[in-house]
Amino acid sequence: MSSKSTEAHAGVLPGQGPRGCTNFKLRQLTRLVSQHCEQYFNETGLKTTQYSLLSHIDLLGPVQPSDLALRMDVDVSTLSRNVQVLMGLGLVEMCAGDDARSRRLVLTEQGRAKRAAMKANWKRAQTSLNAKLDDERVARLHAVLDECLALMRED
């Protein structure tokens, strides 16, 4: 594909900026990627977002909820609702923090086991998505997303 046809295909006309709504396009892609990946998680009883939360708590924990929300780019109230579900399932627990007022999130043994069991589902979902979109395209997408995230976080 020539650069002009690539630009036209991407919604960019020569001499003009991008066309269309970036927010809408990102939401479209997110919905389709989520639908693709969720099918690999159906048998686990959890959603991909819950697996991601377990993974972040495992990697960062024990972690203060506010720090976790910051790292995941979600607001604290959204994080709290999602953590409550995982706590109700016995996968996450709140423990004491550095002082009497602070708390930290950690995975329970059951949470670590659930995350480990779900890792194979995540790997199959990611491998399938990479095959569908092409490894090189996914790598470029990750690079662009990382650049955009960094720019958006500057505010």
C-alpha atoms as a PDB file:
ATOM      1  CA  MET A   1       0.000   0.000   0.000  1.00  0.00           C
ATOM      2  CA  SER A   2       1.369   3.428  -0.856  1.00  0.00           C
ATOM      3  CA  SER A   3       1.773   6.021   1.877  1.00  0.00           C
ATOM      4  CA  LYS A   4      -1.080   8.086   0.414  1.00  0.00           C
ATOM      5  CA  SER A   5      -3.453   5.124   0.383  1.00  0.00           C
ATOM      6  CA  THR A   6      -2.275   4.128   3.866  1.00  0.00           C
ATOM      7  CA  GLU A   7      -3.020   7.658   5.077  1.00  0.00           C
ATOM      8  CA  ALA A   8      -6.446   7.657   3.424  1.00  0.00           C
ATOM      9  CA  HIS A   9      -7.154   4.207   4.900  1.00  0.00           C
ATOM     10  CA  ALA A  10      -6.196   5.485   8.358  1.00  0.00           C
ATOM     11  CA  GLY A  11      -8.618   8.416   8.076  1.00  0.00           C
ATOM     12  CA  VAL A  12      -5.961  11.018   7.249  1.00  0.00           C
ATOM     13  CA  LEU A  13      -6.365  13.020   4.081  1.00  0.00           C
ATOM     14  CA  PRO A  14      -3.311  14.694   2.551  1.00  0.00           C
ATOM     15  CA  GLY A  15      -2.878  18.143   4.068  1.00  0.00           C
ATOM     16  CA  GLN A  16      -5.422  17.482   6.818  1.00  0.00           C
ATOM     17  CA  GLY A  17      -5.284  16.107  10.334  1.00  0.00           C
ATOM     18  CA  PRO A  18      -6.898  12.870  11.507  1.00  0.00           C
ATOM     19  CA  ARG A  19     -10.604  12.462  10.855  1.00  0.00           C
ATOM     20  CA  GLY A  20     -13.127  10.876  13.116  1.00  0.00           C
ATOM     21  CA  CYS A  21     -13.360  10.521  16.860  1.00  0.00           C
ATOM     22  CA  THR A  22     -10.308   9.007  18.539  1.00  0.00           C
ATOM     23  CA  ASN A  23     -12.297   8.151  21.658  1.00  0.00           C
ATOM     24  CA  PHE A  24     -14.876   6.236  19.605  1.00  0.00           C
ATOM     25  CA  LYS A  25     -12.231   4.371  17.599  1.00  0.00           C
ATOM     26  CA  LEU A  26     -10.383   3.348  20.784  1.00  0.00           C
ATOM     27  CA  ARG A  27     -13.640   2.183  22.370  1.00  0.00           C
ATOM     28  CA  GLN A  28     -14.489   0.158  19.250  1.00  0.00           C
ATOM     29  CA  LEU A  29     -11.110  -1.545  19.340  1.00  0.00           C
ATOM     30  CA  THR A  30     -11.292  -2.110  23.085  1.00  0.00           C
ATOM     31  CA  ARG A  31     -14.725  -3.736  22.790  1.00  0.00           C
ATOM     32  CA  LEU A  32     -13.599  -6.050  20.004  1.00  0.00           C
ATOM     33  CA  VAL A  33     -10.348  -6.994  21.742  1.00  0.00           C
ATOM     34  CA  SER A  34     -12.262  -7.621  24.977  1.00  0.00           C
ATOM     35  CA  GLN A  35     -14.795  -9.826  23.192  1.00  0.00           C
ATOM     36  CA  HIS A  36     -11.966 -11.762  21.573  1.00  0.00           C
ATOM     37  CA  CYS A  37     -10.102 -12.279  24.850  1.00  0.00           C
ATOM     38  CA  GLU A  38     -13.067 -12.900  27.154  1.00  0.00           C
ATOM     39  CA  GLN A  39     -13.856 -16.159  25.382  1.00  0.00           C
ATOM     40  CA  TYR A  40     -10.559 -17.537  26.704  1.00  0.00           C
ATOM     41  CA  PHE A  41     -11.528 -16.589  30.264  1.00  0.00           C
ATOM     42  CA  ASN A  42     -15.120 -17.885  30.338  1.00  0.00           C
ATOM     43  CA  GLU A  43     -14.153 -21.145  32.037  1.00  0.00           C
ATOM     44  CA  THR A  44     -12.273 -19.343  34.824  1.00  0.00           C
ATOM     45  CA  GLY A  45     -15.284 -17.506  36.231  1.00  0.00           C
ATOM     46  CA  LEU A  46     -13.390 -14.211  36.098  1.00  0.00           C
ATOM     47  CA  LYS A  47     -13.055 -11.519  33.454  1.00  0.00           C
ATOM     48  CA  THR A  48      -9.861 -10.311  31.813  1.00  0.00           C
ATOM     49  CA  THR A  49     -10.046  -7.090  33.839  1.00  0.00           C
ATOM     50  CA  GLN A  50     -10.123  -9.128  37.055  1.00  0.00           C
ATOM     51  CA  TYR A  51      -7.116 -11.144  35.908  1.00  0.00           C
ATOM     52  CA  SER A  52      -5.292  -7.887  35.234  1.00  0.00           C
ATOM     53  CA  LEU A  53      -6.145  -6.639  38.712  1.00  0.00           C
ATOM     54  CA  LEU A  54      -4.906  -9.892  40.286  1.00  0.00           C
ATOM     55  CA  SER A  55      -1.705  -9.619  38.254  1.00  0.00           C
ATOM     56  CA  HIS A  56      -1.064  -6.011  39.290  1.00  0.00           C
ATOM     57  CA  ILE A  57      -1.671  -6.779  42.970  1.00  0.00           C
ATOM     58  CA  ASP A  58       0.612  -9.805  42.734  1.00  0.00           C
ATOM     59  CA  LEU A  59       3.403  -7.849  41.053  1.00  0.00           C
ATOM     60  CA  LEU A  60       3.095  -4.685  43.165  1.00  0.00           C
ATOM     61  CA  GLY A  61       1.747  -6.070  46.434  1.00  0.00           C
ATOM     62  CA  PRO A  62       1.412  -5.441  49.157  1.00  0.00           C
ATOM     63  CA  VAL A  63       0.203  -2.203  47.602  1.00  0.00           C
ATOM     64  CA  GLN A  64      -1.900   0.720  48.773  1.00  0.00           C
ATOM     65  CA  PRO A  65      -5.147   0.998  46.806  1.00  0.00           C
ATOM     66  CA  SER A  66      -4.335   4.585  45.777  1.00  0.00           C
ATOM     67  CA  ASP A  67      -0.955   3.512  44.383  1.00  0.00           C
ATOM     68  CA  LEU A  68      -2.562   0.610  42.536  1.00  0.00           C
ATOM     69  CA  ALA A  69      -5.224   2.899  41.049  1.00  0.00           C
ATOM     70  CA  LEU A  70      -2.506   5.266  39.868  1.00  0.00           C
ATOM     71  CA  ARG A  71      -0.498   2.456  38.260  1.00  0.00           C
ATOM     72  CA  MET A  72      -3.574   1.059  36.513  1.00  0.00           C
ATOM     73  CA  ASP A  73      -4.917   4.484  35.447  1.00  0.00           C
ATOM     74  CA  VAL A  74      -8.287   3.947  37.148  1.00  0.00           C
ATOM     75  CA  ASP A  75     -10.010   6.072  39.744  1.00  0.00           C
ATOM     76  CA  VAL A  76      -9.979   4.834  43.332  1.00  0.00           C
ATOM     77  CA  SER A  77     -13.745   4.273  43.482  1.00  0.00           C
ATOM     78  CA  THR A  78     -13.671   2.042  40.381  1.00  0.00           C
ATOM     79  CA  LEU A  79     -10.733   0.126  41.806  1.00  0.00           C
ATOM     80  CA  SER A  80     -12.515  -0.244  45.139  1.00  0.00           C
ATOM     81  CA  ARG A  81     -15.627  -1.766  43.510  1.00  0.00           C
ATOM     82  CA  ASN A  82     -13.514  -4.242  41.559  1.00  0.00           C
ATOM     83  CA  VAL A  83     -11.356  -5.150  44.560  1.00  0.00           C
ATOM     84  CA  GLN A  84     -14.493  -5.774  46.665  1.00  0.00           C
ATOM     85  CA  VAL A  85     -15.571  -8.477  44.212  1.00  0.00           C
ATOM     86  CA  LEU A  86     -12.172 -10.174  44.419  1.00  0.00           C
ATOM     87  CA  MET A  87     -12.175  -9.880  48.197  1.00  0.00           C
ATOM     88  CA  GLY A  88     -15.636 -11.465  48.285  1.00  0.00           C
ATOM     89  CA  LEU A  89     -14.226 -14.393  46.305  1.00  0.00           C
ATOM     90  CA  GLY A  90     -11.373 -14.763  48.787  1.00  0.00           C
ATOM     91  CA  LEU A  91      -8.735 -13.872  46.184  1.00  0.00           C
ATOM     92  CA  VAL A  92      -7.570 -10.555  47.654  1.00  0.00           C
ATOM     93  CA  GLU A  93      -7.324  -9.298  51.204  1.00  0.00           C
ATOM     94  CA  MET A  94      -6.694  -5.960  52.844  1.00  0.00           C
ATOM     95  CA  CYS A  95      -3.892  -5.904  55.381  1.00  0.00           C
ATOM     96  CA  ALA A  96      -2.429  -3.238  57.618  1.00  0.00           C
ATOM     97  CA  GLY A  97      -0.217  -0.616  56.043  1.00  0.00           C
ATOM     98  CA  ASP A  98       2.694   1.407  57.354  1.00  0.00           C
ATOM     99  CA  ASP A  99       0.530   3.220  59.903  1.00  0.00           C
ATOM    100  CA  ALA A 100      -2.846   2.792  61.599  1.00  0.00           C
ATOM    101  CA  ARG A 101      -4.693   4.647  58.829  1.00  0.00           C
ATOM    102  CA  SER A 102      -3.203   2.945  55.768  1.00  0.00           C
ATOM    103  CA  ARG A 103      -4.108  -0.359  54.188  1.00  0.00           C
ATOM    104  CA  ARG A 104      -2.485  -2.555  51.573  1.00  0.00           C
ATOM    105  CA  LEU A 105      -3.852  -5.101  49.144  1.00  0.00           C
ATOM    106  CA  VAL A 106      -2.336  -8.561  48.809  1.00  0.00           C
ATOM    107  CA  LEU A 107      -3.336 -11.757  47.072  1.00  0.00           C
ATOM    108  CA  THR A 108      -4.419 -14.629  49.244  1.00  0.00           C
ATOM    109  CA  GLU A 109      -3.003 -18.091  48.577  1.00  0.00           C
ATOM    110  CA  GLN A 110      -6.231 -18.789  46.700  1.00  0.00           C
ATOM    111  CA  GLY A 111      -5.696 -15.576  44.705  1.00  0.00           C
ATOM    112  CA  ARG A 112      -2.153 -16.567  43.758  1.00  0.00           C
ATOM    113  CA  ALA A 113      -3.373 -20.002  42.682  1.00  0.00           C
ATOM    114  CA  LYS A 114      -6.226 -18.483  40.637  1.00  0.00           C
ATOM    115  CA  ARG A 115      -3.850 -16.060  38.919  1.00  0.00           C
ATOM    116  CA  ALA A 116      -1.403 -18.862  38.134  1.00  0.00           C
ATOM    117  CA  ALA A 117      -4.203 -21.009  36.714  1.00  0.00           C
ATOM    118  CA  MET A 118      -5.512 -18.108  34.617  1.00  0.00           C
ATOM    119  CA  LYS A 119      -2.099 -17.230  33.201  1.00  0.00           C
ATOM    120  CA  ALA A 120      -2.414 -19.980  30.580  1.00  0.00           C
ATOM    121  CA  ASN A 121      -5.787 -18.530  29.506  1.00  0.00           C
ATOM    122  CA  TRP A 122      -4.219 -15.088  29.197  1.00  0.00           C
ATOM    123  CA  LYS A 123      -1.348 -16.524  27.151  1.00  0.00           C
ATOM    124  CA  ARG A 124      -3.748 -18.282  24.755  1.00  0.00           C
ATOM    125  CA  ALA A 125      -5.825 -15.106  24.387  1.00  0.00           C
ATOM    126  CA  GLN A 126      -2.748 -12.961  23.711  1.00  0.00           C
ATOM    127  CA  THR A 127      -1.252 -15.471  21.265  1.00  0.00           C
ATOM    128  CA  SER A 128      -4.552 -15.666  19.397  1.00  0.00           C
ATOM    129  CA  LEU A 129      -4.858 -11.896  19.250  1.00  0.00           C
ATOM    130  CA  ASN A 130      -1.259 -11.558  18.040  1.00  0.00           C
ATOM    131  CA  ALA A 131      -1.962 -14.105  15.294  1.00  0.00           C
ATOM    132  CA  LYS A 132      -5.145 -12.301  14.250  1.00  0.00           C
ATOM    133  CA  LEU A 133      -3.565  -8.836  14.169  1.00  0.00           C
ATOM    134  CA  ASP A 134       0.034  -9.848  13.318  1.00  0.00           C
ATOM    135  CA  ASP A 135       2.897  -9.727  15.821  1.00  0.00           C
ATOM    136  CA  GLU A 136       4.536  -6.717  14.165  1.00  0.00           C
ATOM    137  CA  ARG A 137       1.304  -4.718  14.148  1.00  0.00           C
ATOM    138  CA  VAL A 138       0.699  -5.549  17.835  1.00  0.00           C
ATOM    139  CA  ALA A 139       4.239  -4.418  18.697  1.00  0.00           C
ATOM    140  CA  ARG A 140       3.637  -1.130  16.819  1.00  0.00           C
ATOM    141  CA  LEU A 141       0.275  -0.732  18.545  1.00  0.00           C
ATOM    142  CA  HIS A 142       1.876  -1.245  21.965  1.00  0.00           C
ATOM    143  CA  ALA A 143       4.547   1.352  21.141  1.00  0.00           C
ATOM    144  CA  VAL A 144       1.975   3.938  20.023  1.00  0.00           C
ATOM    145  CA  LEU A 145      -0.227   3.238  23.039  1.00  0.00           C
ATOM    146  CA  ASP A 146       2.734   3.576  25.411  1.00  0.00           C
ATOM    147  CA  GLU A 147       3.663   6.920  23.812  1.00  0.00           C
ATOM    148  CA  CYS A 148       0.067   8.145  24.066  1.00  0.00           C
ATOM    149  CA  LEU A 149      -0.269   6.989  27.673  1.00  0.00           C
ATOM    150  CA  ALA A 150       2.886   8.859  28.612  1.00  0.00           C
ATOM    151  CA  LEU A 151       1.597  12.033  26.929  1.00  0.00           C
ATOM    152  CA  MET A 152      -1.830  11.748  28.576  1.00  0.00           C
ATOM    153  CA  ARG A 153      -0.237  11.221  31.994  1.00  0.00           C
ATOM    154  CA  GLU A 154       1.712  14.498  31.682  1.00  0.00           C
ATOM    155  CA  ASP A 155      -1.384  16.399  32.787  1.00  0.00           C
END
